[in-house]
Protein backbone atom coordinates (compact mmCIF):
# COMPACT_ATOMS: atom_id res chain seq x y z
CA MET A 1 55.09 122.91 94.64
CA SER A 2 57.03 119.88 93.44
CA PHE A 3 60.08 119.76 91.17
CA ASP A 4 58.77 116.69 89.44
CA GLN A 5 55.66 118.36 88.09
CA ASP A 6 54.68 118.12 84.47
CA PRO A 7 56.58 120.83 82.49
CA ASN A 8 53.27 122.28 81.24
CA GLU A 9 52.15 122.86 84.83
CA GLN A 10 55.48 124.45 85.78
CA ALA A 11 54.73 127.41 83.51
CA ASN A 12 51.98 128.41 85.96
CA ILE A 13 54.29 128.77 89.00
CA SER A 14 53.35 131.65 91.26
CA GLY A 15 55.85 134.09 92.67
CA ALA A 16 55.34 132.66 96.17
CA ASP A 17 55.97 129.10 94.93
CA LEU A 18 59.07 130.30 93.10
CA ALA A 19 60.37 131.95 96.27
CA ILE A 20 59.80 128.68 98.20
CA MET A 21 61.65 126.73 95.52
CA ILE A 22 64.56 129.16 95.61
CA ASP A 23 64.75 128.87 99.40
CA GLU A 24 64.72 125.06 99.12
CA LEU A 25 67.51 125.20 96.53
CA LYS A 26 69.58 127.49 98.76
CA ALA A 27 69.11 125.13 101.71
CA ALA A 28 70.05 122.13 99.55
CA LYS A 29 73.16 123.96 98.30
CA GLN A 30 74.17 124.79 101.88
CA THR A 31 73.74 121.14 102.88
CA ILE A 32 75.90 120.03 99.93
CA LEU A 33 78.61 122.55 100.86
CA GLU A 34 78.58 121.33 104.46
CA GLN A 35 78.82 117.71 103.28
CA GLN A 36 81.73 118.56 100.97
CA ALA A 37 83.53 120.27 103.85
CA ARG A 38 82.95 117.20 106.03
CA ILE A 39 84.27 114.89 103.28
CA GLU A 40 87.43 116.98 102.96
CA GLU A 41 87.81 116.91 106.76
CA LEU A 42 87.45 113.12 106.75
CA CYS A 43 89.99 112.85 103.92
CA ARG A 44 92.50 114.90 105.92
CA PHE A 45 91.80 112.65 108.91
CA LEU A 46 92.45 109.55 106.79
CA ILE A 47 95.72 111.04 105.58
CA ASP A 48 96.74 111.61 109.21
CA ILE A 49 95.85 108.01 110.02
CA ARG A 50 97.78 106.76 106.99
CA ASP A 51 100.82 108.72 108.10
CA THR A 52 100.79 107.12 111.56
CA ILE A 53 100.17 103.49 110.63
CA LEU A 54 103.02 101.33 111.90
CA GLU A 55 101.58 97.90 111.18
CA PRO A 56 100.14 96.49 107.93
CA ALA A 57 96.59 97.60 107.35
CA SER A 58 95.46 94.22 106.06
CA TYR A 59 91.81 95.10 106.56
CA LEU A 60 91.93 97.51 103.62
CA ASP A 61 90.79 96.07 100.32
CA ASN A 62 90.52 97.21 96.73
CA ASP A 63 86.85 98.12 97.12
CA LEU A 64 87.78 101.17 99.22
CA GLY A 65 88.43 103.20 96.08
CA LYS A 66 84.89 102.49 94.87
CA HIS A 67 83.52 103.76 98.18
CA ALA A 68 85.53 106.96 97.73
CA GLU A 69 83.71 107.59 94.45
CA GLY A 70 80.42 107.35 96.35
CA LEU A 71 81.69 109.98 98.77
CA GLY A 72 81.88 112.60 96.08
CA GLY A 73 85.22 111.65 94.57
CA CYS A 74 87.53 112.60 97.43
CA THR A 75 90.06 114.95 95.86
CA VAL A 76 93.07 114.07 98.02
CA ASP A 77 93.78 110.64 96.43
CA VAL A 78 94.08 108.93 99.79
CA LEU A 79 91.34 106.44 98.91
CA ARG A 80 92.41 105.56 95.38
CA ASN A 81 93.09 101.89 94.61
CA ASP A 82 96.68 102.61 93.55
CA ASN A 83 97.41 104.02 97.02
CA LEU A 84 96.06 101.02 98.93
CA ALA A 85 99.35 99.12 98.68
CA ALA A 86 101.16 102.04 100.26
CA LEU A 87 98.54 102.24 103.01
CA ALA A 88 98.77 98.51 103.72
CA ALA A 89 102.58 98.36 103.66
CA PRO A 90 104.16 98.36 107.10
CA ARG A 91 106.14 101.44 107.96
CA ILE A 92 109.60 100.39 109.01
CA PRO A 93 111.37 103.04 111.03
CA GLU A 94 114.95 103.87 110.17
CA GLY A 95 117.70 103.99 112.76
CA TRP A 96 117.52 103.28 116.46
CA GLN A 97 114.12 103.71 118.10
CA PRO A 98 113.16 103.85 121.80
CA ILE A 99 112.39 100.36 123.10
CA GLU A 100 108.88 101.49 124.06
CA THR A 101 108.01 101.66 120.36
CA ALA A 102 109.31 98.17 119.51
CA PRO A 103 106.90 95.54 118.18
CA ARG A 104 106.03 92.98 120.82
CA ASP A 105 104.87 90.28 118.46
CA GLY A 106 107.90 87.96 118.42
CA THR A 107 109.64 89.70 115.50
CA THR A 108 113.42 89.35 115.65
CA LEU A 109 115.03 92.77 116.09
CA LEU A 110 118.41 94.31 116.82
CA LEU A 111 118.41 95.43 120.44
CA SER A 112 120.84 97.76 122.20
CA THR A 113 121.83 98.14 125.88
CA PRO A 114 122.36 101.48 127.64
CA LYS A 115 126.11 101.04 126.99
CA GLY A 116 125.59 100.34 123.28
CA ARG A 117 125.98 96.56 123.25
CA ILE A 118 124.00 95.16 120.32
CA ALA A 119 122.44 91.72 119.87
CA SER A 120 119.46 90.25 118.08
CA GLY A 121 116.44 89.35 120.16
CA ASP A 122 112.68 89.40 120.35
CA TRP A 123 109.79 89.94 122.72
CA SER A 124 108.95 86.61 124.33
CA LEU A 125 105.22 86.14 123.97
CA ALA A 126 105.33 83.29 126.52
CA TYR A 127 107.14 85.24 129.27
CA GLY A 128 106.43 88.88 128.44
CA VAL A 129 110.10 89.93 128.49
CA TRP A 130 112.82 90.76 125.98
CA SER A 131 114.68 87.62 125.04
CA TRP A 132 118.23 88.11 123.82
CA PRO A 133 121.16 85.84 124.47
CA TYR A 134 124.05 86.71 126.80
CA VAL A 135 122.62 90.12 127.71
CA MET A 136 121.34 90.54 131.26
CA VAL A 137 119.97 94.09 131.05
CA GLU A 138 116.83 95.49 129.53
CA PRO A 139 117.30 96.94 126.05
CA THR A 140 116.88 100.68 125.64
CA HIS A 141 116.67 100.86 121.84
CA TRP A 142 115.76 98.71 118.86
CA MET A 143 115.89 98.70 115.10
CA PRO A 144 114.64 96.26 112.45
CA SER A 145 116.96 93.38 111.63
CA PRO A 146 118.60 93.77 108.24
CA ALA A 147 117.66 91.34 105.51
CA ALA A 148 119.78 88.21 105.40
CA PRO A 149 122.35 88.03 102.59
CA LYS A 150 121.22 86.35 99.39
CA PRO A 151 122.98 83.08 98.49
CA GLU A 152 124.92 84.80 95.70
CA ASP A 153 126.21 87.40 98.21
CA VAL A 154 127.61 84.79 100.61
């Protein structure tokens, strides 16, 4: 029995065919429920990923929201176009962080010694060491450099 039969022929459905159709509908409904549960699980996973991103997610683009619609309209808003900027924005930690978590891409940072001496420095890509003037010990902590003063503030 086919669902795309002519409506006039559908009036002659036997009880056995009806039972088969009901079973097929139940199986289809179960599959849909399982897929919805998987979509929600994936959405929660994406939220977890979003919450742990430390670098810009430049690979995300504005088409991601359209893909979310194709996934059944994810209800957690993580894939909406208006949230992509927040996903792509780098997360800048506040306060002093362990040196193991510092970016090693040449970004100028504030670095601190075990005794609390502070200087600006960066990870030397050429030598693979922390480069900071007048300090002869390895840094233990880091934090982002503050923004430079604007000309009107000087």
